[in-house]
Amino acid sequence: MVVAHLILVHSKPDQLKRLVNRLVHNKAIFFIHVDAKANIELFRAALKGINNVYFVDKRVDIQWATYSMVEATVNGFEAIVASGLAIDYVNLLSGQDYPIQPVSKFHDFLRMNPGKAFMQCLDIETEWTEAISRVRSYHFTHWTVPGKYKIQKIINFLLPKRNLPENLIPVGRSQWFTISLKHVVFIIKRLEANPAFSKFFSYSWAPDEIIFQTLLYNSTFKFDIVNNNLRYIDWSEGLKNPKMLTKDDFSAMMKSGHFFARKFAENDDVLSMIDAEIG
């Protein structure tokens, strides 16, 4: 089961190197999207000598909670498909993720579960209601003009609630997932066939946590979805970002049964604890 790890990074080349080295496997390939604001040569130097590493040529200047994250991910998808390599699964990671089980177990798991899409798919209307405003209201997070949030407030007061193109049912939660190559191809073609999706989600807040799940959920691939993204993420602090994991979280994450955890600071002691545990 060949896995392409698509890793989105913007800083800390040495942390990326540590992650990639942990994921090295004879059936692993790496595609790295480096934020356009960062010096890509630093990342090339860090990964020099590691086999099967490809850098995504079409880079995006990623701005938090905007459609730029979707664009970076799709550019990575397109690079994977264009490579022509025999790939079964695509595993989307950030540079601050880390495996918490041996990588061989991850490959074995995917081999025993071919063709699945492991991603969080909560119904926004009933299960993840805090996200309703993300799709029903306009968000101008990507604008750079002064007073954009005042304009946003006025627009949302005057205009009716938004509905997704083709009246799709919105689902989602975490942007990080593991899906089959057939799902990647479908997503690329779906976005190309209907530009209304990109236009709609460009005015959503953090659309990367919704768009991919929504496209798959509202298709014949719905029955491939397993509502589990295989990642340990702690949202207990109630913030817009998950908790930064430390050694205090070691026991809980290692008992979780997940294959990855996020997110970590570079060189935190907990990473060495994980290395010692999983060998």
Protein backbone atom coordinates (compact mmCIF):
# COMPACT_ATOMS: atom_id res chain seq x y z
CA MET A 1 0.00 0.00 0.00
CA VAL A 2 1.87 3.07 -1.26
CA VAL A 3 1.24 6.21 0.76
CA ALA A 4 1.95 9.74 -0.41
CA HIS A 5 2.40 12.01 2.59
CA LEU A 6 1.39 15.53 1.58
CA ILE A 7 2.94 17.83 4.17
CA LEU A 8 2.12 21.54 4.41
CA VAL A 9 4.88 23.57 6.07
CA HIS A 10 5.76 27.21 6.63
CA SER A 11 8.65 27.11 9.08
CA LYS A 12 11.08 24.91 11.04
CA PRO A 13 12.87 22.79 8.40
CA ASP A 14 14.54 20.64 11.07
CA GLN A 15 11.17 19.73 12.57
CA LEU A 16 10.00 18.69 9.10
CA LYS A 17 13.14 16.57 8.70
CA ARG A 18 12.42 14.79 11.96
CA LEU A 19 8.84 14.08 10.88
CA VAL A 20 9.84 12.78 7.44
CA ASN A 21 12.55 10.54 8.87
CA ARG A 22 9.94 9.02 11.20
CA LEU A 23 7.68 8.27 8.22
CA VAL A 24 10.30 6.74 5.92
CA HIS A 25 9.08 3.40 4.58
CA ASN A 26 9.73 1.45 1.39
CA LYS A 27 6.19 2.32 0.29
CA ALA A 28 6.18 5.98 1.36
CA ILE A 29 6.52 9.03 -0.89
CA PHE A 30 6.67 12.64 0.29
CA PHE A 31 5.22 15.74 -1.33
CA ILE A 32 6.10 18.96 0.46
CA HIS A 33 4.22 22.24 0.02
CA VAL A 34 6.31 25.08 1.41
CA ASP A 35 4.44 28.32 2.10
CA ALA A 36 5.38 30.90 -0.55
CA LYS A 37 6.50 33.26 2.23
CA ALA A 38 9.21 30.81 3.35
CA ASN A 39 12.64 30.10 1.86
CA ILE A 40 12.17 26.76 0.15
CA GLU A 41 15.92 26.19 -0.12
CA LEU A 42 16.13 25.74 3.65
CA PHE A 43 13.66 22.87 3.38
CA ARG A 44 15.40 21.35 0.39
CA ALA A 45 18.66 21.37 2.35
CA ALA A 46 17.02 19.80 5.41
CA LEU A 47 15.60 16.89 3.39
CA LYS A 48 18.63 16.36 1.18
CA GLY A 49 19.57 12.72 1.06
CA ILE A 50 16.09 11.41 1.92
CA ASN A 51 14.63 9.37 -0.93
CA ASN A 52 11.26 9.87 -2.60
CA VAL A 53 10.87 13.53 -1.63
CA TYR A 54 9.17 15.93 -4.05
CA PHE A 55 8.49 19.61 -3.57
CA VAL A 56 5.22 21.08 -4.86
CA ASP A 57 6.17 23.65 -7.49
CA LYS A 58 2.93 25.62 -7.37
CA ARG A 59 3.22 27.31 -3.99
CA VAL A 60 0.67 29.45 -2.16
CA ASP A 61 1.09 32.32 0.28
CA ILE A 62 -1.05 30.77 3.01
CA GLN A 63 -3.12 33.06 5.21
CA TRP A 64 -4.72 31.54 8.28
CA ALA A 65 -8.40 30.56 8.04
CA THR A 66 -8.67 31.53 4.36
CA TYR A 67 -9.17 29.66 1.10
CA SER A 68 -5.41 29.77 0.56
CA MET A 69 -5.09 26.61 2.67
CA VAL A 70 -7.48 24.84 0.31
CA GLU A 71 -5.45 26.06 -2.68
CA ALA A 72 -2.21 24.76 -1.18
CA THR A 73 -3.79 21.37 -0.52
CA VAL A 74 -5.27 21.12 -4.01
CA ASN A 75 -1.93 22.10 -5.54
CA GLY A 76 -0.40 19.23 -3.60
CA PHE A 77 -3.12 16.89 -4.82
CA GLU A 78 -2.47 17.93 -8.41
CA ALA A 79 1.28 17.38 -8.02
CA ILE A 80 0.65 13.88 -6.66
CA VAL A 81 -1.65 12.94 -9.55
CA ALA A 82 0.62 14.53 -12.16
CA SER A 83 3.59 12.56 -10.85
CA GLY A 84 2.13 9.41 -12.36
CA LEU A 85 3.42 7.41 -9.42
CA ALA A 86 1.49 4.33 -8.29
CA ILE A 87 -0.08 5.73 -5.13
CA ASP A 88 -2.91 4.20 -3.11
CA TYR A 89 -3.43 6.66 -0.25
CA VAL A 90 -2.75 10.34 0.36
CA ASN A 91 -2.04 11.34 3.95
CA LEU A 92 -2.38 15.08 4.65
CA LEU A 93 -0.14 16.38 7.42
CA SER A 94 1.27 19.62 8.76
CA GLY A 95 4.88 20.09 9.76
CA GLN A 96 3.78 20.05 13.40
CA ASP A 97 2.30 16.55 13.27
CA TYR A 98 4.06 13.41 14.46
CA PRO A 99 3.37 9.65 14.31
CA ILE A 100 2.51 8.01 17.62
CA GLN A 101 2.62 4.44 16.30
CA PRO A 102 5.29 2.72 14.19
CA VAL A 103 4.88 3.71 10.54
CA SER A 104 4.74 0.02 9.56
CA LYS A 105 1.49 -0.32 11.51
CA PHE A 106 0.01 2.62 9.62
CA HIS A 107 0.83 0.99 6.27
CA ASP A 108 -0.55 -2.34 7.49
CA PHE A 109 -3.76 -0.64 8.61
CA LEU A 110 -4.30 0.99 5.23
CA ARG A 111 -3.52 -2.27 3.43
CA MET A 112 -6.32 -3.90 5.41
CA ASN A 113 -8.69 -1.00 4.68
CA PRO A 114 -8.33 -0.28 0.96
CA GLY A 115 -10.32 2.48 -0.69
CA LYS A 116 -11.47 4.23 2.48
CA ALA A 117 -11.50 7.93 3.37
CA PHE A 118 -10.53 8.56 6.98
CA MET A 119 -11.78 12.05 7.79
CA GLN A 120 -13.97 13.80 10.33
CA CYS A 121 -17.43 14.35 8.85
CA LEU A 122 -19.70 16.01 11.38
CA ASP A 123 -22.99 17.42 10.12
CA ILE A 124 -22.70 21.17 10.54
CA GLU A 125 -26.43 21.67 11.06
CA THR A 126 -26.78 19.09 13.85
CA GLU A 127 -23.38 17.92 15.18
CA TRP A 128 -20.93 20.80 14.66
CA THR A 129 -23.30 23.72 14.99
CA GLU A 130 -20.59 26.23 15.93
CA ALA A 131 -19.57 26.05 12.27
CA ILE A 132 -22.97 27.04 10.87
CA SER A 133 -21.92 30.67 10.44
CA ARG A 134 -18.87 29.56 8.46
CA VAL A 135 -21.05 28.56 5.54
CA ARG A 136 -24.25 30.55 6.08
CA SER A 137 -22.55 33.94 6.51
CA TYR A 138 -20.03 35.85 4.41
CA HIS A 139 -16.47 36.03 5.71
CA PHE A 140 -13.96 38.50 4.31
CA THR A 141 -10.95 37.11 6.16
CA HIS A 142 -8.95 37.04 2.92
CA TRP A 143 -9.53 40.73 2.18
CA THR A 144 -6.71 43.17 2.87
CA VAL A 145 -8.76 46.37 2.84
CA PRO A 146 -9.24 48.47 6.00
CA GLY A 147 -12.60 48.03 7.73
CA LYS A 148 -13.25 44.66 6.14
CA TYR A 149 -15.02 43.31 9.23
CA LYS A 150 -17.40 46.27 9.35
CA ILE A 151 -18.22 45.62 5.70
CA GLN A 152 -18.68 41.95 6.50
CA LYS A 153 -21.13 42.76 9.29
CA ILE A 154 -23.19 45.05 7.04
CA ILE A 155 -23.27 42.53 4.19
CA ASN A 156 -24.43 39.74 6.48
CA PHE A 157 -27.15 42.00 7.90
CA LEU A 158 -28.48 42.96 4.47
CA LEU A 159 -28.17 39.72 2.52
CA PRO A 160 -29.94 36.40 3.12
CA LYS A 161 -28.13 33.40 4.54
CA ARG A 162 -25.91 31.61 2.06
CA ASN A 163 -26.56 28.15 0.68
CA LEU A 164 -23.93 25.88 -0.77
CA PRO A 165 -23.82 25.41 -4.54
CA GLU A 166 -26.01 22.53 -5.67
CA ASN A 167 -27.50 22.58 -2.15
CA LEU A 168 -24.80 20.28 -0.83
CA ILE A 169 -24.98 19.17 2.80
CA PRO A 170 -22.02 20.75 4.65
CA VAL A 171 -19.92 18.46 6.85
CA GLY A 172 -16.44 18.59 8.31
CA ARG A 173 -14.26 19.34 11.33
CA SER A 174 -10.52 18.67 11.11
CA GLN A 175 -8.70 19.58 7.89
CA TRP A 176 -6.22 16.69 8.32
CA PHE A 177 -7.16 13.34 6.82
CA THR A 178 -6.10 10.18 4.98
CA ILE A 179 -7.94 9.43 1.74
CA SER A 180 -7.52 7.16 -1.28
CA LEU A 181 -6.09 8.42 -4.55
CA LYS A 182 -9.49 7.98 -6.23
CA HIS A 183 -10.91 10.53 -3.78
CA VAL A 184 -8.11 12.97 -4.57
CA VAL A 185 -8.80 12.66 -8.30
CA PHE A 186 -12.51 13.17 -7.71
CA ILE A 187 -11.94 16.33 -5.64
CA ILE A 188 -9.69 17.85 -8.30
CA LYS A 189 -12.20 17.15 -11.07
CA ARG A 190 -15.16 18.34 -9.00
CA LEU A 191 -13.53 21.69 -8.29
CA GLU A 192 -12.53 22.09 -11.94
CA ALA A 193 -16.03 21.24 -13.17
CA ASN A 194 -17.83 23.74 -10.93
CA PRO A 195 -15.92 26.94 -10.07
CA ALA A 196 -18.86 27.95 -7.86
CA PHE A 197 -17.43 25.78 -5.08
CA SER A 198 -14.17 27.70 -4.95
CA LYS A 199 -16.01 31.00 -5.13
CA PHE A 200 -18.39 30.03 -2.34
CA PHE A 201 -15.75 28.69 0.02
CA SER A 202 -13.44 31.63 -0.58
CA TYR A 203 -15.97 33.61 1.51
CA SER A 204 -16.09 30.99 4.28
CA TRP A 205 -14.03 30.96 7.47
CA ALA A 206 -11.48 28.11 7.57
CA PRO A 207 -12.96 26.38 4.52
CA ASP A 208 -10.20 23.76 4.56
CA GLU A 209 -12.04 22.11 7.45
CA ILE A 210 -15.21 21.69 5.39
CA ILE A 211 -14.78 21.66 1.62
CA PHE A 212 -13.09 18.31 1.06
CA GLN A 213 -15.39 16.37 3.38
CA THR A 214 -18.44 18.07 1.89
CA LEU A 215 -17.50 17.20 -1.69
CA LEU A 216 -16.95 13.53 -0.85
CA TYR A 217 -19.97 13.25 1.46
CA ASN A 218 -22.28 14.54 -1.28
CA SER A 219 -21.09 11.99 -3.81
CA THR A 220 -21.11 8.26 -4.42
CA PHE A 221 -17.93 8.15 -2.30
CA LYS A 222 -19.98 8.94 0.80
CA PHE A 223 -19.96 5.27 1.77
CA ASP A 224 -16.14 5.16 1.69
CA ILE A 225 -15.95 7.70 4.51
CA VAL A 226 -14.94 6.55 7.97
CA ASN A 227 -15.70 9.32 10.48
CA ASN A 228 -12.25 9.09 12.05
CA ASN A 229 -9.20 10.99 10.81
CA LEU A 230 -6.75 8.75 12.72
CA ARG A 231 -5.32 11.74 14.60
CA TYR A 232 -5.14 12.71 18.26
CA ILE A 233 -6.00 16.40 18.57
CA ASP A 234 -6.89 18.10 21.85
CA TRP A 235 -9.47 20.90 21.58
CA SER A 236 -10.08 21.07 25.33
CA GLU A 237 -8.81 24.65 25.65
CA GLY A 238 -11.77 25.89 23.61
CA LEU A 239 -9.62 28.00 21.29
CA LYS A 240 -9.55 28.27 17.50
CA ASN A 241 -6.32 26.30 17.52
CA PRO A 242 -5.81 22.93 19.23
CA LYS A 243 -3.73 22.56 22.35
CA MET A 244 0.04 22.33 21.90
CA LEU A 245 0.86 18.83 23.11
CA THR A 246 3.56 18.24 25.74
CA LYS A 247 4.79 15.41 27.95
CA ASP A 248 1.71 15.95 30.12
CA ASP A 249 -0.36 14.63 27.22
CA PHE A 250 1.86 11.63 26.51
CA SER A 251 -0.21 8.98 28.24
CA ALA A 252 -3.53 10.08 26.75
CA MET A 253 -2.25 10.31 23.20
CA MET A 254 -0.41 7.00 23.31
CA LYS A 255 -3.51 5.23 24.61
CA SER A 256 -5.77 6.87 22.01
CA GLY A 257 -5.24 4.26 19.31
CA HIS A 258 -4.59 6.95 16.70
CA PHE A 259 -1.66 6.92 14.30
CA PHE A 260 -0.75 10.62 14.47
CA ALA A 261 -1.01 13.50 16.91
CA ARG A 262 -0.84 17.26 16.58
CA LYS A 263 0.42 19.70 17.26
CA PHE A 264 3.94 19.83 18.65
CA ALA A 265 6.62 22.43 19.24
CA GLU A 266 10.01 21.75 17.71
CA ASN A 267 12.32 19.62 19.90
CA ASP A 268 9.78 19.32 22.70
CA ASP A 269 10.71 16.52 25.13
CA VAL A 270 7.50 14.70 24.28
CA LEU A 271 8.79 13.90 20.77
CA SER A 272 11.74 12.02 22.26
CA MET A 273 9.35 10.22 24.58
CA ILE A 274 7.31 9.12 21.58
CA ASP A 275 10.42 7.96 19.73
CA ALA A 276 11.48 5.86 22.70
CA GLU A 277 8.02 4.32 23.02
CA ILE A 278 7.45 3.33 19.41
CA GLY A 279 11.05 2.37 18.66
